[in-house]
């Protein structure tokens, strides 16, 4: 009696922003024989992939290494304002004068983007303090707070309440700050794979499956909005705007150039180790 091939182990992110990429995994049984999902934080996705506990992961671009191959086609990026990565600075501090940053460490990429913004573009090297993603508590202990993902989206909705508690703040969308300075997209995450794990799924099949999931997700935005409206305290119209206008899901040439620029600047700012070149599947 023959055994079924072992499914590819997938490390995924349970945030709103990858929802269109995950559509077929979550709404059909089509991929169940080839893949098994484990949801975790972005930084843990990368750790599981690098440690061999996962075969495929949606990982921050900060976590790419020469051993991992980027799967072509899909990305989590933004062409200008993304909403879901916010640097909140208490007034009267500025990028040049902030001394301490309370950081939600859920994503190494977001941390490195903020370090580039401070060190490379503002000639400042504030101290980072790890903190849970509670903006009021973060701003009570530091001059600025770095929020990513769903907590950043929720903080924007609660801006008036937060400022009533901690005082006036300057809210910087990190993706917009990046785009303004480099005229490139802001890129958060890509699908990456350990190539040696592709024993029961071909590279072509993997690329096709991920492309198809994204295509179907973008074709069913209303269903995603309906799914997420009870899960997050954000108006359906804002969720729809976020998924259709703030985010960009195609790994095109500008995004590939942006990844290269990010890793080069992050290395120069001593925020990340150098990555000689991107490896593609």
C-alpha atoms as a PDB file:
ATOM      1  CA  UNK A   1       0.000   0.000   0.000  1.00  0.00           C
ATOM      2  CA  UNK A   2       1.617   3.282  -1.092  1.00  0.00           C
ATOM      3  CA  UNK A   3       1.864   6.208   1.272  1.00  0.00           C
ATOM      4  CA  UNK A   4       0.779   9.734   0.404  1.00  0.00           C
ATOM      5  CA  UNK A   5       3.705  12.120  -0.130  1.00  0.00           C
ATOM      6  CA  UNK A   6       4.494  14.297   2.871  1.00  0.00           C
ATOM      7  CA  UNK A   7       2.916  17.751   2.465  1.00  0.00           C
ATOM      8  CA  UNK A   8       5.106  20.846   2.379  1.00  0.00           C
ATOM      9  CA  UNK A   9       5.139  22.503   5.809  1.00  0.00           C
ATOM     10  CA  UNK A  10       4.092  26.147   5.491  1.00  0.00           C
ATOM     11  CA  UNK A  11       4.834  28.863   8.065  1.00  0.00           C
ATOM     12  CA  UNK A  12       2.215  31.589   7.612  1.00  0.00           C
ATOM     13  CA  UNK A  13       1.184  34.874   9.228  1.00  0.00           C
ATOM     14  CA  UNK A  14      -2.231  35.369  10.842  1.00  0.00           C
ATOM     15  CA  UNK A  15      -2.432  39.090  10.026  1.00  0.00           C
ATOM     16  CA  UNK A  16      -4.838  40.886   7.744  1.00  0.00           C
ATOM     17  CA  UNK A  17      -2.254  41.915   5.152  1.00  0.00           C
ATOM     18  CA  UNK A  18      -1.415  38.420   3.792  1.00  0.00           C
ATOM     19  CA  UNK A  19      -5.083  37.387   3.570  1.00  0.00           C
ATOM     20  CA  UNK A  20      -5.286  37.626  -0.254  1.00  0.00           C
ATOM     21  CA  UNK A  21      -2.124  35.516  -0.605  1.00  0.00           C
ATOM     22  CA  UNK A  22      -3.561  32.864   1.717  1.00  0.00           C
ATOM     23  CA  UNK A  23      -6.988  32.684   0.050  1.00  0.00           C
ATOM     24  CA  UNK A  24      -6.829  29.208  -1.502  1.00  0.00           C
ATOM     25  CA  UNK A  25      -5.159  27.771   1.607  1.00  0.00           C
ATOM     26  CA  UNK A  26      -8.012  29.027   3.779  1.00  0.00           C
ATOM     27  CA  UNK A  27     -11.057  28.780   1.501  1.00  0.00           C
ATOM     28  CA  UNK A  28     -10.544  25.628  -0.567  1.00  0.00           C
ATOM     29  CA  UNK A  29      -9.407  22.045  -0.042  1.00  0.00           C
ATOM     30  CA  UNK A  30      -7.450  22.133  -3.288  1.00  0.00           C
ATOM     31  CA  UNK A  31      -4.063  22.529  -1.598  1.00  0.00           C
ATOM     32  CA  UNK A  32      -4.607  20.289   1.420  1.00  0.00           C
ATOM     33  CA  UNK A  33      -2.728  17.295  -0.011  1.00  0.00           C
ATOM     34  CA  UNK A  34       0.343  19.346  -0.915  1.00  0.00           C
ATOM     35  CA  UNK A  35       0.608  21.751   2.050  1.00  0.00           C
ATOM     36  CA  UNK A  36       0.062  21.888   5.799  1.00  0.00           C
ATOM     37  CA  UNK A  37      -0.223  25.299   7.520  1.00  0.00           C
ATOM     38  CA  UNK A  38       1.161  26.650  10.786  1.00  0.00           C
ATOM     39  CA  UNK A  39       0.302  30.239  11.723  1.00  0.00           C
ATOM     40  CA  UNK A  40       2.824  32.276  13.697  1.00  0.00           C
ATOM     41  CA  UNK A  41       4.503  35.701  13.904  1.00  0.00           C
ATOM     42  CA  UNK A  42       6.524  36.979  10.916  1.00  0.00           C
ATOM     43  CA  UNK A  43       9.796  36.663  12.806  1.00  0.00           C
ATOM     44  CA  UNK A  44       8.913  33.104  13.900  1.00  0.00           C
ATOM     45  CA  UNK A  45       8.067  32.156  10.290  1.00  0.00           C
ATOM     46  CA  UNK A  46      11.644  32.919   9.390  1.00  0.00           C
ATOM     47  CA  UNK A  47      13.050  31.094  12.416  1.00  0.00           C
ATOM     48  CA  UNK A  48      11.009  27.975  11.617  1.00  0.00           C
ATOM     49  CA  UNK A  49      12.130  28.049   7.992  1.00  0.00           C
ATOM     50  CA  UNK A  50      15.804  28.529   8.808  1.00  0.00           C
ATOM     51  CA  UNK A  51      15.697  25.823  11.483  1.00  0.00           C
ATOM     52  CA  UNK A  52      14.090  23.308   9.135  1.00  0.00           C
ATOM     53  CA  UNK A  53      10.820  23.204  11.074  1.00  0.00           C
ATOM     54  CA  UNK A  54       9.080  24.592   7.967  1.00  0.00           C
ATOM     55  CA  UNK A  55       9.712  24.189   4.251  1.00  0.00           C
ATOM     56  CA  UNK A  56       7.944  27.292   2.900  1.00  0.00           C
ATOM     57  CA  UNK A  57       7.375  30.562   4.718  1.00  0.00           C
ATOM     58  CA  UNK A  58       5.948  34.022   4.211  1.00  0.00           C
ATOM     59  CA  UNK A  59       8.906  35.776   5.789  1.00  0.00           C
ATOM     60  CA  UNK A  60      10.170  39.319   6.331  1.00  0.00           C
ATOM     61  CA  UNK A  61      12.765  40.321   3.739  1.00  0.00           C
ATOM     62  CA  UNK A  62      15.094  41.035   6.667  1.00  0.00           C
ATOM     63  CA  UNK A  63      15.209  37.282   7.286  1.00  0.00           C
ATOM     64  CA  UNK A  64      16.319  36.242   3.797  1.00  0.00           C
ATOM     65  CA  UNK A  65      19.604  34.336   3.727  1.00  0.00           C
ATOM     66  CA  UNK A  66      21.688  32.881   0.868  1.00  0.00           C
ATOM     67  CA  UNK A  67      20.286  29.413   1.713  1.00  0.00           C
ATOM     68  CA  UNK A  68      16.664  30.426   1.078  1.00  0.00           C
ATOM     69  CA  UNK A  69      15.132  30.904  -2.367  1.00  0.00           C
ATOM     70  CA  UNK A  70      12.519  33.571  -3.057  1.00  0.00           C
ATOM     71  CA  UNK A  71       9.447  32.199  -4.819  1.00  0.00           C
ATOM     72  CA  UNK A  72       8.784  34.504  -7.801  1.00  0.00           C
ATOM     73  CA  UNK A  73       5.557  36.411  -8.232  1.00  0.00           C
ATOM     74  CA  UNK A  74       4.037  37.171  -4.825  1.00  0.00           C
ATOM     75  CA  UNK A  75       4.919  39.815  -2.259  1.00  0.00           C
ATOM     76  CA  UNK A  76       3.512  41.940   0.545  1.00  0.00           C
ATOM     77  CA  UNK A  77       4.447  45.484  -0.412  1.00  0.00           C
ATOM     78  CA  UNK A  78       3.136  49.017  -0.760  1.00  0.00           C
ATOM     79  CA  UNK A  79       3.615  51.605  -3.468  1.00  0.00           C
ATOM     80  CA  UNK A  80       3.297  54.513  -1.014  1.00  0.00           C
ATOM     81  CA  UNK A  81       1.344  54.583   2.271  1.00  0.00           C
ATOM     82  CA  UNK A  82       0.802  51.176   3.837  1.00  0.00           C
ATOM     83  CA  UNK A  83      -0.951  52.143   7.130  1.00  0.00           C
ATOM     84  CA  UNK A  84       0.257  48.984   8.890  1.00  0.00           C
ATOM     85  CA  UNK A  85       3.716  50.172   9.944  1.00  0.00           C
ATOM     86  CA  UNK A  86       3.617  53.325  12.027  1.00  0.00           C
ATOM     87  CA  UNK A  87       6.372  55.213  13.828  1.00  0.00           C
ATOM     88  CA  UNK A  88       4.592  57.328  16.419  1.00  0.00           C
ATOM     89  CA  UNK A  89       6.769  60.107  17.858  1.00  0.00           C
ATOM     90  CA  UNK A  90       5.763  62.162  20.887  1.00  0.00           C
ATOM     91  CA  UNK A  91       6.022  65.875  20.287  1.00  0.00           C
ATOM     92  CA  UNK A  92       8.263  67.848  20.438  1.00  0.00           C
ATOM     93  CA  UNK A  93      10.650  65.007  19.438  1.00  0.00           C
ATOM     94  CA  UNK A  94      11.582  64.509  15.776  1.00  0.00           C
ATOM     95  CA  UNK A  95      13.429  61.843  13.800  1.00  0.00           C
ATOM     96  CA  UNK A  96      16.626  63.736  14.598  1.00  0.00           C
ATOM     97  CA  UNK A  97      16.019  64.043  18.356  1.00  0.00           C
ATOM     98  CA  UNK A  98      14.243  60.814  19.438  1.00  0.00           C
ATOM     99  CA  UNK A  99      16.306  59.084  22.122  1.00  0.00           C
ATOM    100  CA  UNK A 100      14.280  55.920  22.820  1.00  0.00           C
ATOM    101  CA  UNK A 101      11.955  53.778  20.685  1.00  0.00           C
ATOM    102  CA  UNK A 102       9.594  51.176  22.119  1.00  0.00           C
ATOM    103  CA  UNK A 103       9.411  48.520  19.404  1.00  0.00           C
ATOM    104  CA  UNK A 104       7.028  45.705  18.688  1.00  0.00           C
ATOM    105  CA  UNK A 105       9.533  43.077  17.559  1.00  0.00           C
ATOM    106  CA  UNK A 106       7.046  41.009  15.517  1.00  0.00           C
ATOM    107  CA  UNK A 107       8.955  41.840  12.319  1.00  0.00           C
ATOM    108  CA  UNK A 108      12.692  42.261  11.820  1.00  0.00           C
ATOM    109  CA  UNK A 109      12.060  44.076   8.536  1.00  0.00           C
ATOM    110  CA  UNK A 110      10.011  46.803  10.199  1.00  0.00           C
ATOM    111  CA  UNK A 111      12.677  47.245  12.843  1.00  0.00           C
ATOM    112  CA  UNK A 112      15.390  47.518  10.197  1.00  0.00           C
ATOM    113  CA  UNK A 113      13.353  49.989   8.115  1.00  0.00           C
ATOM    114  CA  UNK A 114      13.042  52.244  11.157  1.00  0.00           C
ATOM    115  CA  UNK A 115      16.763  51.928  11.889  1.00  0.00           C
ATOM    116  CA  UNK A 116      17.567  52.985   8.306  1.00  0.00           C
ATOM    117  CA  UNK A 117      15.202  55.936   8.701  1.00  0.00           C
ATOM    118  CA  UNK A 118      16.978  57.032  11.871  1.00  0.00           C
ATOM    119  CA  UNK A 119      20.607  56.158  11.164  1.00  0.00           C
ATOM    120  CA  UNK A 120      20.904  56.726   7.411  1.00  0.00           C
ATOM    121  CA  UNK A 121      18.423  59.521   6.779  1.00  0.00           C
ATOM    122  CA  UNK A 122      18.316  61.340  10.146  1.00  0.00           C
ATOM    123  CA  UNK A 123      21.840  60.850  11.582  1.00  0.00           C
ATOM    124  CA  UNK A 124      20.348  59.540  14.812  1.00  0.00           C
ATOM    125  CA  UNK A 125      20.810  56.265  16.714  1.00  0.00           C
ATOM    126  CA  UNK A 126      18.101  55.977  19.363  1.00  0.00           C
ATOM    127  CA  UNK A 127      17.972  53.114  21.842  1.00  0.00           C
ATOM    128  CA  UNK A 128      15.339  50.437  21.119  1.00  0.00           C
ATOM    129  CA  UNK A 129      13.319  48.881  23.928  1.00  0.00           C
ATOM    130  CA  UNK A 130      11.330  45.705  23.240  1.00  0.00           C
ATOM    131  CA  UNK A 131       7.682  46.144  24.146  1.00  0.00           C
ATOM    132  CA  UNK A 132       4.287  44.521  23.608  1.00  0.00           C
ATOM    133  CA  UNK A 133       2.214  46.314  20.962  1.00  0.00           C
ATOM    134  CA  UNK A 134       0.336  48.647  23.323  1.00  0.00           C
ATOM    135  CA  UNK A 135       0.841  52.216  22.021  1.00  0.00           C
ATOM    136  CA  UNK A 136      -0.148  53.978  25.260  1.00  0.00           C
ATOM    137  CA  UNK A 137       2.243  51.888  27.343  1.00  0.00           C
ATOM    138  CA  UNK A 138       4.976  52.168  24.708  1.00  0.00           C
ATOM    139  CA  UNK A 139       4.753  55.952  24.572  1.00  0.00           C
ATOM    140  CA  UNK A 140       4.671  56.172  28.362  1.00  0.00           C
ATOM    141  CA  UNK A 141       8.154  54.631  28.495  1.00  0.00           C
ATOM    142  CA  UNK A 142       9.782  55.935  25.292  1.00  0.00           C
ATOM    143  CA  UNK A 143       9.936  58.949  22.980  1.00  0.00           C
ATOM    144  CA  UNK A 144       8.525  56.939  20.084  1.00  0.00           C
ATOM    145  CA  UNK A 145       6.698  53.683  19.353  1.00  0.00           C
ATOM    146  CA  UNK A 146       7.091  51.358  16.379  1.00  0.00           C
ATOM    147  CA  UNK A 147       3.882  49.469  15.569  1.00  0.00           C
ATOM    148  CA  UNK A 148       3.388  46.931  12.792  1.00  0.00           C
ATOM    149  CA  UNK A 149       0.620  44.840  11.319  1.00  0.00           C
ATOM    150  CA  UNK A 150      -2.834  44.780  12.866  1.00  0.00           C
ATOM    151  CA  UNK A 151      -1.746  46.718  16.010  1.00  0.00           C
ATOM    152  CA  UNK A 152      -0.651  49.605  13.741  1.00  0.00           C
ATOM    153  CA  UNK A 153      -4.001  49.596  11.940  1.00  0.00           C
ATOM    154  CA  UNK A 154      -5.841  49.583  15.265  1.00  0.00           C
ATOM    155  CA  UNK A 155      -3.650  52.394  16.630  1.00  0.00           C
ATOM    156  CA  UNK A 156      -4.571  54.603  13.666  1.00  0.00           C
ATOM    157  CA  UNK A 157      -8.249  54.024  14.441  1.00  0.00           C
ATOM    158  CA  UNK A 158      -7.622  54.969  18.097  1.00  0.00           C
ATOM    159  CA  UNK A 159      -5.328  57.938  17.375  1.00  0.00           C
ATOM    160  CA  UNK A 160      -7.427  60.502  19.248  1.00  0.00           C
ATOM    161  CA  UNK A 161      -7.698  58.254  22.295  1.00  0.00           C
ATOM    162  CA  UNK A 162      -3.958  57.547  22.292  1.00  0.00           C
ATOM    163  CA  UNK A 163      -3.028  61.218  22.003  1.00  0.00           C
ATOM    164  CA  UNK A 164      -5.494  62.102  24.774  1.00  0.00           C
ATOM    165  CA  UNK A 165      -3.499  59.758  27.018  1.00  0.00           C
ATOM    166  CA  UNK A 166       0.097  60.560  25.999  1.00  0.00           C
ATOM    167  CA  UNK A 167      -0.124  63.982  24.327  1.00  0.00           C
ATOM    168  CA  UNK A 168       0.244  65.138  20.701  1.00  0.00           C
ATOM    169  CA  UNK A 169       2.242  62.848  18.418  1.00  0.00           C
ATOM    170  CA  UNK A 170       3.669  62.813  14.919  1.00  0.00           C
ATOM    171  CA  UNK A 171       2.543  59.728  12.992  1.00  0.00           C
ATOM    172  CA  UNK A 172       4.944  58.553  10.290  1.00  0.00           C
ATOM    173  CA  UNK A 173       3.973  55.852   7.808  1.00  0.00           C
ATOM    174  CA  UNK A 174       7.290  54.053   7.331  1.00  0.00           C
ATOM    175  CA  UNK A 175       6.392  52.905   3.813  1.00  0.00           C
ATOM    176  CA  UNK A 176       5.666  56.493   2.768  1.00  0.00           C
ATOM    177  CA  UNK A 177       8.921  57.702   4.342  1.00  0.00           C
ATOM    178  CA  UNK A 178      10.837  55.011   2.425  1.00  0.00           C
ATOM    179  CA  UNK A 179       9.086  55.748  -0.872  1.00  0.00           C
ATOM    180  CA  UNK A 180       9.639  59.503  -0.479  1.00  0.00           C
ATOM    181  CA  UNK A 181      13.380  59.060  -0.017  1.00  0.00           C
ATOM    182  CA  UNK A 182      14.124  56.304  -2.573  1.00  0.00           C
ATOM    183  CA  UNK A 183      11.216  56.390  -5.041  1.00  0.00           C
ATOM    184  CA  UNK A 184      10.865  52.625  -4.618  1.00  0.00           C
ATOM    185  CA  UNK A 185       8.103  50.405  -3.246  1.00  0.00           C
ATOM    186  CA  UNK A 186       8.203  49.418   0.398  1.00  0.00           C
ATOM    187  CA  UNK A 187       8.482  45.635   0.661  1.00  0.00           C
ATOM    188  CA  UNK A 188       7.609  43.688   3.793  1.00  0.00           C
ATOM    189  CA  UNK A 189       7.621  39.974   3.025  1.00  0.00           C
ATOM    190  CA  UNK A 190       8.014  37.331   0.339  1.00  0.00           C
ATOM    191  CA  UNK A 191       7.412  33.621   0.044  1.00  0.00           C
ATOM    192  CA  UNK A 192      10.716  31.845   0.635  1.00  0.00           C
ATOM    193  CA  UNK A 193      11.484  28.143   0.408  1.00  0.00           C
ATOM    194  CA  UNK A 194      14.232  25.754   1.339  1.00  0.00           C
ATOM    195  CA  UNK A 195      14.876  24.352  -2.185  1.00  0.00           C
ATOM    196  CA  UNK A 196      16.003  20.976  -0.872  1.00  0.00           C
ATOM    197  CA  UNK A 197      12.522  20.434   0.617  1.00  0.00           C
ATOM    198  CA  UNK A 198      10.843  20.360  -2.804  1.00  0.00           C
ATOM    199  CA  UNK A 199      10.730  16.586  -3.089  1.00  0.00           C
ATOM    200  CA  UNK A 200       6.980  16.078  -3.472  1.00  0.00           C
ATOM    201  CA  UNK A 201       6.032  19.472  -4.953  1.00  0.00           C
ATOM    202  CA  UNK A 202       7.815  20.789  -8.049  1.00  0.00           C
ATOM    203  CA  UNK A 203       9.009  24.376  -8.277  1.00  0.00           C
ATOM    204  CA  UNK A 204       6.561  24.988 -11.119  1.00  0.00           C
ATOM    205  CA  UNK A 205       3.656  23.568  -9.096  1.00  0.00           C
ATOM    206  CA  UNK A 206       4.582  25.678  -6.066  1.00  0.00           C
ATOM    207  CA  UNK A 207       4.749  28.880  -8.122  1.00  0.00           C
ATOM    208  CA  UNK A 208       1.432  28.052  -9.804  1.00  0.00           C
ATOM    209  CA  UNK A 209      -0.277  27.311  -6.473  1.00  0.00           C
ATOM    210  CA  UNK A 210       0.888  30.559  -4.865  1.00  0.00           C
ATOM    211  CA  UNK A 211       0.011  32.659  -7.927  1.00  0.00           C
ATOM    212  CA  UNK A 212      -3.435  31.077  -8.106  1.00  0.00           C
ATOM    213  CA  UNK A 213      -4.081  31.690  -4.408  1.00  0.00           C
ATOM    214  CA  UNK A 214      -3.180  35.373  -4.799  1.00  0.00           C
ATOM    215  CA  UNK A 215      -5.295  35.756  -7.943  1.00  0.00           C
ATOM    216  CA  UNK A 216      -8.306  34.191  -6.248  1.00  0.00           C
ATOM    217  CA  UNK A 217      -7.766  36.283  -3.127  1.00  0.00           C
ATOM    218  CA  UNK A 218      -7.718  39.532  -5.072  1.00  0.00           C
ATOM    219  CA  UNK A 219     -10.863  38.396  -6.905  1.00  0.00           C
ATOM    220  CA  UNK A 220     -12.653  37.776  -3.593  1.00  0.00           C
ATOM    221  CA  UNK A 221     -11.777  40.874  -1.572  1.00  0.00           C
ATOM    222  CA  UNK A 222     -15.380  41.249  -0.386  1.00  0.00           C
ATOM    223  CA  UNK A 223     -15.323  37.777   1.115  1.00  0.00           C
ATOM    224  CA  UNK A 224     -12.052  38.591   2.892  1.00  0.00           C
ATOM    225  CA  UNK A 225     -13.578  41.829   4.214  1.00  0.00           C
ATOM    226  CA  UNK A 226     -16.569  39.871   5.539  1.00  0.00           C
ATOM    227  CA  UNK A 227     -14.258  37.327   7.172  1.00  0.00           C
ATOM    228  CA  UNK A 228     -12.070  39.943   8.861  1.00  0.00           C
ATOM    229  CA  UNK A 229     -14.723  42.470   9.948  1.00  0.00           C
ATOM    230  CA  UNK A 230     -15.640  40.459  13.089  1.00  0.00           C
ATOM    231  CA  UNK A 231     -11.967  39.788  13.839  1.00  0.00           C
ATOM    232  CA  UNK A 232     -10.559  43.318  13.924  1.00  0.00           C
ATOM    233  CA  UNK A 233     -12.009  46.598  15.220  1.00  0.00           C
ATOM    234  CA  UNK A 234     -11.728  48.397  11.883  1.00  0.00           C
ATOM    235  CA  UNK A 235     -14.549  49.519   9.607  1.00  0.00           C
ATOM    236  CA  UNK A 236     -15.161  47.273   6.567  1.00  0.00           C
ATOM    237  CA  UNK A 237     -14.481  50.222   4.237  1.00  0.00           C
ATOM    238  CA  UNK A 238     -11.047  50.696   5.821  1.00  0.00           C
ATOM    239  CA  UNK A 239     -10.228  46.989   5.487  1.00  0.00           C
ATOM    240  CA  UNK A 240     -11.259  47.131   1.826  1.00  0.00           C
ATOM    241  CA  UNK A 241      -9.157  50.259   1.187  1.00  0.00           C
ATOM    242  CA  UNK A 242      -6.178  48.692   2.920  1.00  0.00           C
ATOM    243  CA  UNK A 243      -6.279  45.491   0.874  1.00  0.00           C
ATOM    244  CA  UNK A 244      -6.987  47.134  -2.477  1.00  0.00           C
ATOM    245  CA  UNK A 245      -5.069  50.433  -2.328  1.00  0.00           C
ATOM    246  CA  UNK A 246      -2.503  50.375   0.484  1.00  0.00           C
ATOM    247  CA  UNK A 247      -1.074  46.974  -0.366  1.00  0.00           C
ATOM    248  CA  UNK A 248       0.612  45.596  -3.490  1.00  0.00           C
ATOM    249  CA  UNK A 249       0.895  41.842  -4.014  1.00  0.00           C
ATOM    250  CA  UNK A 250       2.935  41.381  -7.222  1.00  0.00           C
ATOM    251  CA  UNK A 251       6.686  40.834  -6.938  1.00  0.00           C
ATOM    252  CA  UNK A 252       7.685  42.967  -9.934  1.00  0.00           C
ATOM    253  CA  UNK A 253      11.019  44.526 -10.907  1.00  0.00           C
ATOM    254  CA  UNK A 254      10.588  47.686  -8.746  1.00  0.00           C
ATOM    255  CA  UNK A 255       9.913  45.475  -5.713  1.00  0.00           C
ATOM    256  CA  UNK A 256      12.981  43.352  -6.449  1.00  0.00           C
ATOM    257  CA  UNK A 257      15.061  46.549  -6.704  1.00  0.00           C
ATOM    258  CA  UNK A 258      13.558  47.728  -3.411  1.00  0.00           C
ATOM    259  CA  UNK A 259      14.581  44.516  -1.634  1.00  0.00           C
ATOM    260  CA  UNK A 260      18.143  44.978  -2.853  1.00  0.00           C
ATOM    261  CA  UNK A 261      18.221  48.611  -1.735  1.00  0.00           C
ATOM    262  CA  UNK A 262      16.766  47.712   1.656  1.00  0.00           C
ATOM    263  CA  UNK A 263      19.303  44.988   2.358  1.00  0.00           C
ATOM    264  CA  UNK A 264      22.200  47.207   1.227  1.00  0.00           C
ATOM    265  CA  UNK A 265      21.107  50.151   3.394  1.00  0.00           C
ATOM    266  CA  UNK A 266      20.311  47.880   6.347  1.00  0.00           C
ATOM    267  CA  UNK A 267      23.815  46.425   6.162  1.00  0.00           C
ATOM    268  CA  UNK A 268      25.363  49.895   5.938  1.00  0.00           C
ATOM    269  CA  UNK A 269      23.315  50.952   8.980  1.00  0.00           C
ATOM    270  CA  UNK A 270      24.469  47.779  10.787  1.00  0.00           C
ATOM    271  CA  UNK A 271      20.849  46.759  11.212  1.00  0.00           C
ATOM    272  CA  UNK A 272      21.200  43.473   9.272  1.00  0.00           C
ATOM    273  CA  UNK A 273      23.980  41.282   7.890  1.00  0.00           C
ATOM    274  CA  UNK A 274      24.807  41.739   4.191  1.00  0.00           C
ATOM    275  CA  UNK A 275      22.910  39.662   1.624  1.00  0.00           C
ATOM    276  CA  UNK A 276      25.190  39.355  -1.436  1.00  0.00           C
ATOM    277  CA  UNK A 277      22.366  38.654  -3.881  1.00  0.00           C
ATOM    278  CA  UNK A 278      18.796  37.420  -4.017  1.00  0.00           C
ATOM    279  CA  UNK A 279      18.336  33.771  -4.825  1.00  0.00           C
ATOM    280  CA  UNK A 280      15.195  32.907  -6.774  1.00  0.00           C
ATOM    281  CA  UNK A 281      13.513  29.545  -7.151  1.00  0.00           C
END
